Amino acid sequence: MTSHLLDRALVEEATKKSGLVWVRGEGPVRALWHVWHDGAAHIVGDGPGEQPLPGLADGGDAEVTVRSKDKGGRLVVWSARVTELAPRSEEWQAAVAELKGKRLNAPDAEQMPERWARECRVLRLELREVTTELPDGSLAAAPLPTTATTRRPAPAALPRLLLKRRKRHG
């Protein structure tokens, strides 16, 4: 009994403090932002401009990996029951109030809850069991395909500008 309470406390504290959790449903593992509210992790997504939630279905199971905020290493892994909250229900509104405060760079901060009700899913990931066994080998995986990009061709004048700067400081 004591071990179960300690496991639950570890999951709650680690998940509260971590900005991201890695979640695997029926699809690939995804890093997802979340909030810990009312004894469970809550996530929002699957709408325009929001994080994708592939493989996470109402009534399904998920595996949640929580990293250390300080060192970035894996702290705890726990299995969760996925529940989709009904838009505008009392439980949904309480979760969205917490999620709204943590959503960074929202283009429509005031209209966000209404947009989430129309276009997104809010999921509750409730702790079922803590996994204590360590994996064999690396858990590294190739990045998922995406249309996002940060690289663009360098402007034609950039090499000349950099050379001028080096000459002045050198």
C-alpha atoms as a PDB file:
ATOM      1  CA  MET A   1       0.000   0.000   0.000  1.00  0.00           C
ATOM      2  CA  THR A   2       2.784   2.427   0.923  1.00  0.00           C
ATOM      3  CA  SER A   3       4.623   1.687  -2.343  1.00  0.00           C
ATOM      4  CA  HIS A   4       1.477   2.537  -4.331  1.00  0.00           C
ATOM      5  CA  LEU A   5       1.138   5.884  -2.526  1.00  0.00           C
ATOM      6  CA  LEU A   6       4.806   6.702  -3.100  1.00  0.00           C
ATOM      7  CA  ASP A   7       4.512   5.789  -6.798  1.00  0.00           C
ATOM      8  CA  ARG A   8       1.444   8.011  -7.138  1.00  0.00           C
ATOM      9  CA  ALA A   9       3.217  10.907  -5.384  1.00  0.00           C
ATOM     10  CA  LEU A  10       6.254  10.512  -7.668  1.00  0.00           C
ATOM     11  CA  VAL A  11       4.077  10.525 -10.796  1.00  0.00           C
ATOM     12  CA  GLU A  12       2.133  13.578  -9.641  1.00  0.00           C
ATOM     13  CA  GLU A  13       5.147  15.669  -8.636  1.00  0.00           C
ATOM     14  CA  ALA A  14       7.262  14.727 -11.648  1.00  0.00           C
ATOM     15  CA  THR A  15       4.401  15.345 -14.089  1.00  0.00           C
ATOM     16  CA  LYS A  16       3.491  18.683 -12.487  1.00  0.00           C
ATOM     17  CA  LYS A  17       7.054  19.944 -12.772  1.00  0.00           C
ATOM     18  CA  SER A  18       7.791  18.712 -16.281  1.00  0.00           C
ATOM     19  CA  GLY A  19       6.803  21.036 -19.116  1.00  0.00           C
ATOM     20  CA  LEU A  20       6.506  18.132 -21.542  1.00  0.00           C
ATOM     21  CA  VAL A  21       5.573  14.483 -21.282  1.00  0.00           C
ATOM     22  CA  TRP A  22       6.168  11.825 -23.925  1.00  0.00           C
ATOM     23  CA  VAL A  23       2.941   9.979 -24.684  1.00  0.00           C
ATOM     24  CA  ARG A  24       2.444   6.806 -26.721  1.00  0.00           C
ATOM     25  CA  GLY A  25      -1.044   5.660 -27.625  1.00  0.00           C
ATOM     26  CA  GLU A  26      -1.699   3.490 -30.670  1.00  0.00           C
ATOM     27  CA  GLY A  27       0.598   5.706 -32.752  1.00  0.00           C
ATOM     28  CA  PRO A  28       4.092   7.129 -32.414  1.00  0.00           C
ATOM     29  CA  VAL A  29       5.475   8.659 -29.214  1.00  0.00           C
ATOM     30  CA  ARG A  30       4.817  12.409 -29.056  1.00  0.00           C
ATOM     31  CA  ALA A  31       6.180  15.113 -26.781  1.00  0.00           C
ATOM     32  CA  LEU A  32       3.100  16.958 -25.512  1.00  0.00           C
ATOM     33  CA  TRP A  33       2.632  19.971 -23.265  1.00  0.00           C
ATOM     34  CA  HIS A  34       0.109  19.398 -20.507  1.00  0.00           C
ATOM     35  CA  VAL A  35      -1.152  20.434 -17.091  1.00  0.00           C
ATOM     36  CA  TRP A  36      -1.684  18.297 -14.012  1.00  0.00           C
ATOM     37  CA  HIS A  37      -5.180  18.962 -12.705  1.00  0.00           C
ATOM     38  CA  ASP A  38      -7.526  17.038 -10.443  1.00  0.00           C
ATOM     39  CA  GLY A  39      -5.268  13.972 -10.181  1.00  0.00           C
ATOM     40  CA  ALA A  40      -4.502  13.518 -13.888  1.00  0.00           C
ATOM     41  CA  ALA A  41      -2.549  14.987 -16.806  1.00  0.00           C
ATOM     42  CA  HIS A  42      -4.696  16.979 -19.256  1.00  0.00           C
ATOM     43  CA  ILE A  43      -3.743  17.753 -22.847  1.00  0.00           C
ATOM     44  CA  VAL A  44      -5.398  19.653 -25.665  1.00  0.00           C
ATOM     45  CA  GLY A  45      -4.842  19.188 -29.381  1.00  0.00           C
ATOM     46  CA  ASP A  46      -5.928  17.905 -32.784  1.00  0.00           C
ATOM     47  CA  GLY A  47      -7.131  21.320 -33.888  1.00  0.00           C
ATOM     48  CA  PRO A  48      -5.607  23.935 -36.205  1.00  0.00           C
ATOM     49  CA  GLY A  49      -2.419  25.309 -34.649  1.00  0.00           C
ATOM     50  CA  GLU A  50      -2.495  22.828 -31.755  1.00  0.00           C
ATOM     51  CA  GLN A  51      -0.414  19.740 -31.000  1.00  0.00           C
ATOM     52  CA  PRO A  52      -1.390  16.513 -32.778  1.00  0.00           C
ATOM     53  CA  LEU A  53      -2.772  13.675 -30.646  1.00  0.00           C
ATOM     54  CA  PRO A  54      -2.552  10.628 -32.936  1.00  0.00           C
ATOM     55  CA  GLY A  55      -3.433   7.262 -31.469  1.00  0.00           C
ATOM     56  CA  LEU A  56      -5.040   8.676 -28.333  1.00  0.00           C
ATOM     57  CA  ALA A  57      -8.686   7.619 -28.229  1.00  0.00           C
ATOM     58  CA  ASP A  58     -11.404   7.894 -25.602  1.00  0.00           C
ATOM     59  CA  GLY A  59     -11.340   4.769 -23.461  1.00  0.00           C
ATOM     60  CA  GLY A  60      -7.907   3.757 -24.753  1.00  0.00           C
ATOM     61  CA  ASP A  61      -4.614   3.325 -22.980  1.00  0.00           C
ATOM     62  CA  ALA A  62      -1.430   5.354 -23.181  1.00  0.00           C
ATOM     63  CA  GLU A  63       2.098   5.166 -21.834  1.00  0.00           C
ATOM     64  CA  VAL A  64       3.424   8.415 -20.358  1.00  0.00           C
ATOM     65  CA  THR A  65       7.135   9.084 -19.851  1.00  0.00           C
ATOM     66  CA  VAL A  66       8.113  11.996 -17.628  1.00  0.00           C
ATOM     67  CA  ARG A  67      11.543  13.598 -17.760  1.00  0.00           C
ATOM     68  CA  SER A  68      13.473  15.437 -15.082  1.00  0.00           C
ATOM     69  CA  LYS A  69      13.111  19.181 -15.428  1.00  0.00           C
ATOM     70  CA  ASP A  70      16.687  19.667 -14.175  1.00  0.00           C
ATOM     71  CA  LYS A  71      18.659  17.002 -16.028  1.00  0.00           C
ATOM     72  CA  GLY A  72      16.281  16.011 -18.829  1.00  0.00           C
ATOM     73  CA  GLY A  73      16.604  12.286 -18.071  1.00  0.00           C
ATOM     74  CA  ARG A  74      13.694   9.902 -17.716  1.00  0.00           C
ATOM     75  CA  LEU A  75      12.217   9.965 -14.204  1.00  0.00           C
ATOM     76  CA  VAL A  76       9.142   7.770 -14.330  1.00  0.00           C
ATOM     77  CA  VAL A  77       6.933   5.915 -16.791  1.00  0.00           C
ATOM     78  CA  TRP A  78       3.258   5.341 -16.095  1.00  0.00           C
ATOM     79  CA  SER A  79       0.307   3.835 -17.919  1.00  0.00           C
ATOM     80  CA  ALA A  80      -2.820   5.924 -18.266  1.00  0.00           C
ATOM     81  CA  ARG A  81      -6.472   5.543 -19.158  1.00  0.00           C
ATOM     82  CA  VAL A  82      -7.424   8.129 -21.807  1.00  0.00           C
ATOM     83  CA  THR A  83     -10.732   9.935 -21.393  1.00  0.00           C
ATOM     84  CA  GLU A  84     -11.981  12.589 -23.812  1.00  0.00           C
ATOM     85  CA  LEU A  85     -13.796  15.330 -21.923  1.00  0.00           C
ATOM     86  CA  ALA A  86     -17.108  16.505 -23.353  1.00  0.00           C
ATOM     87  CA  PRO A  87     -16.816  20.113 -24.598  1.00  0.00           C
ATOM     88  CA  ARG A  88     -18.262  22.676 -22.186  1.00  0.00           C
ATOM     89  CA  SER A  89     -18.924  20.074 -19.458  1.00  0.00           C
ATOM     90  CA  GLU A  90     -18.013  21.083 -15.911  1.00  0.00           C
ATOM     91  CA  GLU A  91     -14.912  18.861 -15.940  1.00  0.00           C
ATOM     92  CA  TRP A  92     -13.898  20.204 -19.393  1.00  0.00           C
ATOM     93  CA  GLN A  93     -14.242  23.828 -18.237  1.00  0.00           C
ATOM     94  CA  ALA A  94     -12.097  23.229 -15.149  1.00  0.00           C
ATOM     95  CA  ALA A  95      -9.376  21.532 -17.233  1.00  0.00           C
ATOM     96  CA  VAL A  96      -9.475  24.226 -19.932  1.00  0.00           C
ATOM     97  CA  ALA A  97      -9.096  26.965 -17.310  1.00  0.00           C
ATOM     98  CA  GLU A  98      -5.811  25.340 -16.266  1.00  0.00           C
ATOM     99  CA  LEU A  99      -4.684  24.600 -19.841  1.00  0.00           C
ATOM    100  CA  LYS A 100      -5.404  28.152 -20.987  1.00  0.00           C
ATOM    101  CA  GLY A 101      -2.968  29.539 -18.422  1.00  0.00           C
ATOM    102  CA  LYS A 102      -0.168  27.285 -19.709  1.00  0.00           C
ATOM    103  CA  ARG A 103      -0.732  27.710 -23.473  1.00  0.00           C
ATOM    104  CA  LEU A 104       2.176  29.693 -24.882  1.00  0.00           C
ATOM    105  CA  ASN A 105       1.999  31.937 -27.952  1.00  0.00           C
ATOM    106  CA  ALA A 106      -1.718  31.519 -28.535  1.00  0.00           C
ATOM    107  CA  PRO A 107      -2.903  33.714 -31.417  1.00  0.00           C
ATOM    108  CA  ASP A 108      -6.374  34.105 -29.879  1.00  0.00           C
ATOM    109  CA  ALA A 109      -5.975  33.999 -26.095  1.00  0.00           C
ATOM    110  CA  GLU A 110      -9.456  35.265 -25.228  1.00  0.00           C
ATOM    111  CA  GLN A 111     -11.326  33.126 -27.783  1.00  0.00           C
ATOM    112  CA  MET A 112      -9.154  30.061 -27.201  1.00  0.00           C
ATOM    113  CA  PRO A 113     -11.611  28.088 -24.975  1.00  0.00           C
ATOM    114  CA  GLU A 114     -14.404  28.541 -27.506  1.00  0.00           C
ATOM    115  CA  ARG A 115     -12.100  27.474 -30.359  1.00  0.00           C
ATOM    116  CA  TRP A 116     -11.000  24.433 -28.351  1.00  0.00           C
ATOM    117  CA  ALA A 117     -14.643  23.497 -27.776  1.00  0.00           C
ATOM    118  CA  ARG A 118     -15.367  23.684 -31.535  1.00  0.00           C
ATOM    119  CA  GLU A 119     -12.182  22.320 -33.079  1.00  0.00           C
ATOM    120  CA  CYS A 120     -10.026  20.444 -30.543  1.00  0.00           C
ATOM    121  CA  ARG A 121     -10.046  17.559 -28.121  1.00  0.00           C
ATOM    122  CA  VAL A 122      -9.255  17.835 -24.420  1.00  0.00           C
ATOM    123  CA  LEU A 123      -7.994  14.542 -23.024  1.00  0.00           C
ATOM    124  CA  ARG A 124      -7.562  13.379 -19.444  1.00  0.00           C
ATOM    125  CA  LEU A 125      -4.724  10.891 -18.831  1.00  0.00           C
ATOM    126  CA  GLU A 126      -5.438   9.189 -15.525  1.00  0.00           C
ATOM    127  CA  LEU A 127      -2.781   7.118 -13.751  1.00  0.00           C
ATOM    128  CA  ARG A 128      -3.338   3.369 -13.850  1.00  0.00           C
ATOM    129  CA  GLU A 129       0.063   1.880 -13.019  1.00  0.00           C
ATOM    130  CA  VAL A 130       3.679   2.959 -12.568  1.00  0.00           C
ATOM    131  CA  THR A 131       6.328   1.067 -14.538  1.00  0.00           C
ATOM    132  CA  THR A 132       9.483   0.463 -12.525  1.00  0.00           C
ATOM    133  CA  GLU A 133      11.494  -1.720 -14.901  1.00  0.00           C
ATOM    134  CA  LEU A 134      14.269  -0.104 -16.902  1.00  0.00           C
ATOM    135  CA  PRO A 135      14.384  -0.606 -20.680  1.00  0.00           C
ATOM    136  CA  ASP A 136      17.050  -2.599 -22.458  1.00  0.00           C
ATOM    137  CA  GLY A 137      19.097  -0.401 -24.773  1.00  0.00           C
ATOM    138  CA  SER A 138      18.442   3.074 -26.076  1.00  0.00           C
ATOM    139  CA  LEU A 139      14.980   4.549 -26.445  1.00  0.00           C
ATOM    140  CA  ALA A 140      16.190   6.996 -29.097  1.00  0.00           C
ATOM    141  CA  ALA A 141      13.948   7.282 -32.140  1.00  0.00           C
ATOM    142  CA  ALA A 142      14.147   9.093 -35.453  1.00  0.00           C
ATOM    143  CA  PRO A 143      12.208  12.369 -35.559  1.00  0.00           C
ATOM    144  CA  LEU A 144       8.685  12.140 -36.957  1.00  0.00           C
ATOM    145  CA  PRO A 145       8.108  13.591 -40.446  1.00  0.00           C
ATOM    146  CA  THR A 146       6.908  17.193 -40.409  1.00  0.00           C
ATOM    147  CA  THR A 147       6.351  20.117 -42.731  1.00  0.00           C
ATOM    148  CA  ALA A 148       7.954  22.480 -40.196  1.00  0.00           C
ATOM    149  CA  THR A 149      11.332  23.907 -41.104  1.00  0.00           C
ATOM    150  CA  THR A 150      13.868  26.265 -39.584  1.00  0.00           C
ATOM    151  CA  ARG A 151      16.479  26.177 -42.334  1.00  0.00           C
ATOM    152  CA  ARG A 152      16.325  28.492 -45.315  1.00  0.00           C
ATOM    153  CA  PRO A 153      18.984  29.371 -47.879  1.00  0.00           C
ATOM    154  CA  ALA A 154      21.481  31.915 -46.564  1.00  0.00           C
ATOM    155  CA  PRO A 155      21.076  35.373 -48.107  1.00  0.00           C
ATOM    156  CA  ALA A 156      23.621  35.989 -50.886  1.00  0.00           C
ATOM    157  CA  ALA A 157      25.220  38.914 -49.035  1.00  0.00           C
ATOM    158  CA  LEU A 158      25.713  37.043 -45.742  1.00  0.00           C
ATOM    159  CA  PRO A 159      29.216  35.652 -46.452  1.00  0.00           C
ATOM    160  CA  ARG A 160      30.485  39.148 -47.362  1.00  0.00           C
ATOM    161  CA  LEU A 161      28.952  40.649 -44.222  1.00  0.00           C
ATOM    162  CA  LEU A 162      30.566  38.009 -42.034  1.00  0.00           C
ATOM    163  CA  LEU A 163      33.975  38.511 -43.660  1.00  0.00           C
ATOM    164  CA  LYS A 164      33.787  42.291 -43.139  1.00  0.00           C
ATOM    165  CA  ARG A 165      32.949  41.791 -39.468  1.00  0.00           C
ATOM    166  CA  ARG A 166      35.927  39.440 -38.980  1.00  0.00           C
ATOM    167  CA  LYS A 167      38.305  41.893 -40.661  1.00  0.00           C
ATOM    168  CA  ARG A 168      37.182  44.737 -38.375  1.00  0.00           C
ATOM    169  CA  HIS A 169      37.505  42.663 -35.182  1.00  0.00           C
ATOM    170  CA  GLY A 170      40.591  40.707 -36.261  1.00  0.00           C
END
